[in-house]
Amino acid sequence: MPKSRLLAFLGLLAIFVGGAISGAFGYHLYMASPVFGHNLSPATAGTHKSPGPDPEEIRKRLVEEMRQRVKLDDAQIAKLNRIFDDTRAQFDQIHREMNDRGHAAWDKQVAEVKAILRPEQEPLYDQLRAEHEAARKRRHQQEAEKK
């Protein structure tokens, strides 16, 4: 095979392999399962168990790693734990606020939709919403049972 044909073949092969890699990356990027928010009441915000490692275990490992690698003494470890506690409290508060804002936005949407409905349509809309809520609860129940 002449050099020019070999180079052309290798160039096309490189383009094909590059396209396959790009396609695989794009598929992973766009077809991955989305992360859905948790429906938390203000009383349970910040207490839900998300999939993945236990935050307390991560914290224990991080504290121990800081103790060993950064050579923190006991007083510094105590301060580090207070910093972690304060940060957790801040995130819990943010989650509660976001949950409240999300519920308010949802309630506003429902009110606005009901405002455009005729009186005979409202019960149908309420039934549709109830069915969707029941399906959502079933999905969450099934997801919890898988864990």
C-alpha atoms as a PDB file:
ATOM      1  CA  MET A   1       0.000   0.000   0.000  1.00  0.00           C
ATOM      2  CA  PRO A   2       1.480   3.384  -0.954  1.00  0.00           C
ATOM      3  CA  LYS A   3       2.372   5.801   1.823  1.00  0.00           C
ATOM      4  CA  SER A   4      -0.336   8.313   0.875  1.00  0.00           C
ATOM      5  CA  ARG A   5      -3.051   5.644   1.057  1.00  0.00           C
ATOM      6  CA  LEU A   6      -1.719   4.364   4.367  1.00  0.00           C
ATOM      7  CA  LEU A   7      -1.688   7.886   5.801  1.00  0.00           C
ATOM      8  CA  ALA A   8      -5.204   8.524   4.502  1.00  0.00           C
ATOM      9  CA  PHE A   9      -6.398   5.231   6.035  1.00  0.00           C
ATOM     10  CA  LEU A  10      -4.733   6.019   9.381  1.00  0.00           C
ATOM     11  CA  GLY A  11      -6.202   9.543   9.319  1.00  0.00           C
ATOM     12  CA  LEU A  12      -9.717   8.194   8.725  1.00  0.00           C
ATOM     13  CA  LEU A  13      -9.195   5.574  11.429  1.00  0.00           C
ATOM     14  CA  ALA A  14      -8.096   8.296  13.885  1.00  0.00           C
ATOM     15  CA  ILE A  15     -11.164  10.380  13.022  1.00  0.00           C
ATOM     16  CA  PHE A  16     -13.421   7.340  13.504  1.00  0.00           C
ATOM     17  CA  VAL A  17     -11.865   6.483  16.882  1.00  0.00           C
ATOM     18  CA  GLY A  18     -12.077  10.131  17.963  1.00  0.00           C
ATOM     19  CA  GLY A  19     -15.746  10.221  16.975  1.00  0.00           C
ATOM     20  CA  ALA A  20     -16.445   7.029  18.894  1.00  0.00           C
ATOM     21  CA  ILE A  21     -14.774   8.426  21.998  1.00  0.00           C
ATOM     22  CA  SER A  22     -16.630  11.727  21.642  1.00  0.00           C
ATOM     23  CA  GLY A  23     -19.892   9.875  21.156  1.00  0.00           C
ATOM     24  CA  ALA A  24     -19.339   7.747  24.235  1.00  0.00           C
ATOM     25  CA  PHE A  25     -18.493  10.825  26.297  1.00  0.00           C
ATOM     26  CA  GLY A  26     -21.511  12.703  24.943  1.00  0.00           C
ATOM     27  CA  TYR A  27     -23.783   9.763  25.671  1.00  0.00           C
ATOM     28  CA  HIS A  28     -22.514   9.571  29.234  1.00  0.00           C
ATOM     29  CA  LEU A  29     -22.840  13.324  29.684  1.00  0.00           C
ATOM     30  CA  TYR A  30     -26.364  13.717  28.303  1.00  0.00           C
ATOM     31  CA  MET A  31     -27.957  10.365  29.000  1.00  0.00           C
ATOM     32  CA  ALA A  32     -26.896   9.904  32.607  1.00  0.00           C
ATOM     33  CA  SER A  33     -29.728   9.685  35.103  1.00  0.00           C
ATOM     34  CA  PRO A  34     -30.693  13.108  36.356  1.00  0.00           C
ATOM     35  CA  VAL A  35     -30.570  13.878  40.036  1.00  0.00           C
ATOM     36  CA  PHE A  36     -33.986  14.757  41.390  1.00  0.00           C
ATOM     37  CA  GLY A  37     -34.484  16.929  44.421  1.00  0.00           C
ATOM     38  CA  HIS A  38     -35.832  15.441  47.600  1.00  0.00           C
ATOM     39  CA  ASN A  39     -39.255  16.478  48.778  1.00  0.00           C
ATOM     40  CA  LEU A  40     -38.500  17.400  52.363  1.00  0.00           C
ATOM     41  CA  SER A  41     -40.648  19.070  54.910  1.00  0.00           C
ATOM     42  CA  PRO A  42     -38.918  21.772  56.923  1.00  0.00           C
ATOM     43  CA  ALA A  43     -38.836  19.362  59.864  1.00  0.00           C
ATOM     44  CA  THR A  44     -36.845  16.763  57.920  1.00  0.00           C
ATOM     45  CA  ALA A  45     -34.697  19.018  55.752  1.00  0.00           C
ATOM     46  CA  GLY A  46     -31.056  18.161  56.198  1.00  0.00           C
ATOM     47  CA  THR A  47     -31.833  14.744  57.667  1.00  0.00           C
ATOM     48  CA  HIS A  48     -32.499  12.775  54.478  1.00  0.00           C
ATOM     49  CA  LYS A  49     -30.180  10.015  53.392  1.00  0.00           C
ATOM     50  CA  SER A  50     -28.845  10.586  49.941  1.00  0.00           C
ATOM     51  CA  PRO A  51     -27.292   7.838  47.878  1.00  0.00           C
ATOM     52  CA  GLY A  52     -23.590   7.563  48.356  1.00  0.00           C
ATOM     53  CA  PRO A  53     -21.218   7.541  51.267  1.00  0.00           C
ATOM     54  CA  ASP A  54     -22.396   8.440  54.744  1.00  0.00           C
ATOM     55  CA  PRO A  55     -21.442  12.055  55.527  1.00  0.00           C
ATOM     56  CA  GLU A  56     -20.451  11.119  59.075  1.00  0.00           C
ATOM     57  CA  GLU A  57     -18.027   8.485  57.786  1.00  0.00           C
ATOM     58  CA  ILE A  58     -16.548  11.015  55.356  1.00  0.00           C
ATOM     59  CA  ARG A  59     -16.172  13.499  58.199  1.00  0.00           C
ATOM     60  CA  LYS A  60     -14.450  10.948  60.452  1.00  0.00           C
ATOM     61  CA  ARG A  61     -12.018  10.028  57.680  1.00  0.00           C
ATOM     62  CA  LEU A  62     -11.305  13.690  56.913  1.00  0.00           C
ATOM     63  CA  VAL A  63     -10.713  14.534  60.580  1.00  0.00           C
ATOM     64  CA  GLU A  64      -8.392  11.556  60.942  1.00  0.00           C
ATOM     65  CA  GLU A  65      -6.572  12.479  57.739  1.00  0.00           C
ATOM     66  CA  MET A  66      -6.171  16.058  58.991  1.00  0.00           C
ATOM     67  CA  ARG A  67      -4.874  14.731  62.318  1.00  0.00           C
ATOM     68  CA  GLN A  68      -2.291  12.521  60.631  1.00  0.00           C
ATOM     69  CA  ARG A  69      -1.192  14.501  57.595  1.00  0.00           C
ATOM     70  CA  VAL A  70      -1.556  18.072  58.835  1.00  0.00           C
ATOM     71  CA  LYS A  71      -0.515  17.050  62.367  1.00  0.00           C
ATOM     72  CA  LEU A  72      -3.457  18.723  64.140  1.00  0.00           C
ATOM     73  CA  ASP A  73      -3.426  18.542  67.928  1.00  0.00           C
ATOM     74  CA  ASP A  74      -6.506  17.800  70.060  1.00  0.00           C
ATOM     75  CA  ALA A  75      -7.404  21.487  70.488  1.00  0.00           C
ATOM     76  CA  GLN A  76      -7.259  21.992  66.710  1.00  0.00           C
ATOM     77  CA  ILE A  77      -9.374  18.863  66.164  1.00  0.00           C
ATOM     78  CA  ALA A  78     -12.003  20.275  68.540  1.00  0.00           C
ATOM     79  CA  LYS A  79     -12.013  23.573  66.619  1.00  0.00           C
ATOM     80  CA  LEU A  80     -12.167  21.705  63.306  1.00  0.00           C
ATOM     81  CA  ASN A  81     -15.209  19.753  64.529  1.00  0.00           C
ATOM     82  CA  ARG A  82     -16.924  23.009  65.568  1.00  0.00           C
ATOM     83  CA  ILE A  83     -16.201  24.439  62.097  1.00  0.00           C
ATOM     84  CA  PHE A  84     -17.704  21.314  60.499  1.00  0.00           C
ATOM     85  CA  ASP A  85     -20.747  21.535  62.819  1.00  0.00           C
ATOM     86  CA  ASP A  86     -21.299  25.197  61.934  1.00  0.00           C
ATOM     87  CA  THR A  87     -20.976  24.462  58.231  1.00  0.00           C
ATOM     88  CA  ARG A  88     -23.456  21.581  58.469  1.00  0.00           C
ATOM     89  CA  ALA A  89     -25.929  23.845  60.280  1.00  0.00           C
ATOM     90  CA  GLN A  90     -25.542  26.467  57.543  1.00  0.00           C
ATOM     91  CA  PHE A  91     -26.178  23.906  54.805  1.00  0.00           C
ATOM     92  CA  ASP A  92     -29.181  22.504  56.670  1.00  0.00           C
ATOM     93  CA  GLN A  93     -30.614  26.029  56.919  1.00  0.00           C
ATOM     94  CA  ILE A  94     -29.990  26.609  53.201  1.00  0.00           C
ATOM     95  CA  HIS A  95     -31.738  23.319  52.377  1.00  0.00           C
ATOM     96  CA  ARG A  96     -34.744  24.269  54.533  1.00  0.00           C
ATOM     97  CA  GLU A  97     -34.953  27.698  52.875  1.00  0.00           C
ATOM     98  CA  MET A  98     -34.685  26.209  49.393  1.00  0.00           C
ATOM     99  CA  ASN A  99     -37.325  23.635  50.251  1.00  0.00           C
ATOM    100  CA  ASP A 100     -39.665  26.379  51.508  1.00  0.00           C
ATOM    101  CA  ARG A 101     -39.046  28.465  48.380  1.00  0.00           C
ATOM    102  CA  GLY A 102     -39.667  25.438  46.172  1.00  0.00           C
ATOM    103  CA  HIS A 103     -42.973  24.704  47.881  1.00  0.00           C
ATOM    104  CA  ALA A 104     -43.990  28.357  47.559  1.00  0.00           C
ATOM    105  CA  ALA A 105     -43.186  28.324  43.824  1.00  0.00           C
ATOM    106  CA  TRP A 106     -45.146  25.098  43.378  1.00  0.00           C
ATOM    107  CA  ASP A 107     -48.140  26.479  45.288  1.00  0.00           C
ATOM    108  CA  LYS A 108     -48.033  29.644  43.159  1.00  0.00           C
ATOM    109  CA  GLN A 109     -48.005  27.557  39.987  1.00  0.00           C
ATOM    110  CA  VAL A 110     -51.008  25.538  41.140  1.00  0.00           C
ATOM    111  CA  ALA A 111     -52.916  28.719  41.986  1.00  0.00           C
ATOM    112  CA  GLU A 112     -52.076  30.270  38.614  1.00  0.00           C
ATOM    113  CA  VAL A 113     -53.156  27.139  36.742  1.00  0.00           C
ATOM    114  CA  LYS A 114     -56.419  27.000  38.698  1.00  0.00           C
ATOM    115  CA  ALA A 115     -57.034  30.654  37.836  1.00  0.00           C
ATOM    116  CA  ILE A 116     -57.208  29.792  34.116  1.00  0.00           C
ATOM    117  CA  LEU A 117     -59.485  26.769  34.577  1.00  0.00           C
ATOM    118  CA  ARG A 118     -63.243  26.750  34.315  1.00  0.00           C
ATOM    119  CA  PRO A 119     -65.059  25.540  37.463  1.00  0.00           C
ATOM    120  CA  GLU A 120     -65.773  22.107  35.974  1.00  0.00           C
ATOM    121  CA  GLN A 121     -62.065  21.654  35.145  1.00  0.00           C
ATOM    122  CA  GLU A 122     -60.758  22.204  38.676  1.00  0.00           C
ATOM    123  CA  PRO A 123     -61.775  18.771  40.032  1.00  0.00           C
ATOM    124  CA  LEU A 124     -60.168  17.137  36.977  1.00  0.00           C
ATOM    125  CA  TYR A 125     -56.964  19.091  37.583  1.00  0.00           C
ATOM    126  CA  ASP A 126     -57.010  18.181  41.286  1.00  0.00           C
ATOM    127  CA  GLN A 127     -57.435  14.510  40.365  1.00  0.00           C
ATOM    128  CA  LEU A 128     -54.541  14.717  37.895  1.00  0.00           C
ATOM    129  CA  ARG A 129     -52.327  16.310  40.543  1.00  0.00           C
ATOM    130  CA  ALA A 130     -53.280  13.627  43.075  1.00  0.00           C
ATOM    131  CA  GLU A 131     -52.386  10.869  40.582  1.00  0.00           C
ATOM    132  CA  HIS A 132     -49.030  12.490  39.849  1.00  0.00           C
ATOM    133  CA  GLU A 133     -48.303  12.846  43.577  1.00  0.00           C
ATOM    134  CA  ALA A 134     -49.198   9.185  44.194  1.00  0.00           C
ATOM    135  CA  ALA A 135     -46.911   8.106  41.333  1.00  0.00           C
ATOM    136  CA  ARG A 136     -44.098  10.261  42.729  1.00  0.00           C
ATOM    137  CA  LYS A 137     -44.503   8.698  46.167  1.00  0.00           C
ATOM    138  CA  ARG A 138     -44.433   5.201  44.635  1.00  0.00           C
ATOM    139  CA  ARG A 139     -41.213   6.038  42.755  1.00  0.00           C
ATOM    140  CA  HIS A 140     -39.577   7.333  45.926  1.00  0.00           C
ATOM    141  CA  GLN A 141     -40.738   4.237  47.810  1.00  0.00           C
ATOM    142  CA  GLN A 142     -39.293   1.958  45.129  1.00  0.00           C
ATOM    143  CA  GLU A 143     -36.019   3.885  45.141  1.00  0.00           C
ATOM    144  CA  ALA A 144     -35.824   3.601  48.924  1.00  0.00           C
ATOM    145  CA  GLU A 145     -36.444  -0.152  48.745  1.00  0.00           C
ATOM    146  CA  LYS A 146     -33.576  -0.583  46.256  1.00  0.00           C
ATOM    147  CA  LYS A 147     -31.109   0.862  48.772  1.00  0.00           C
END
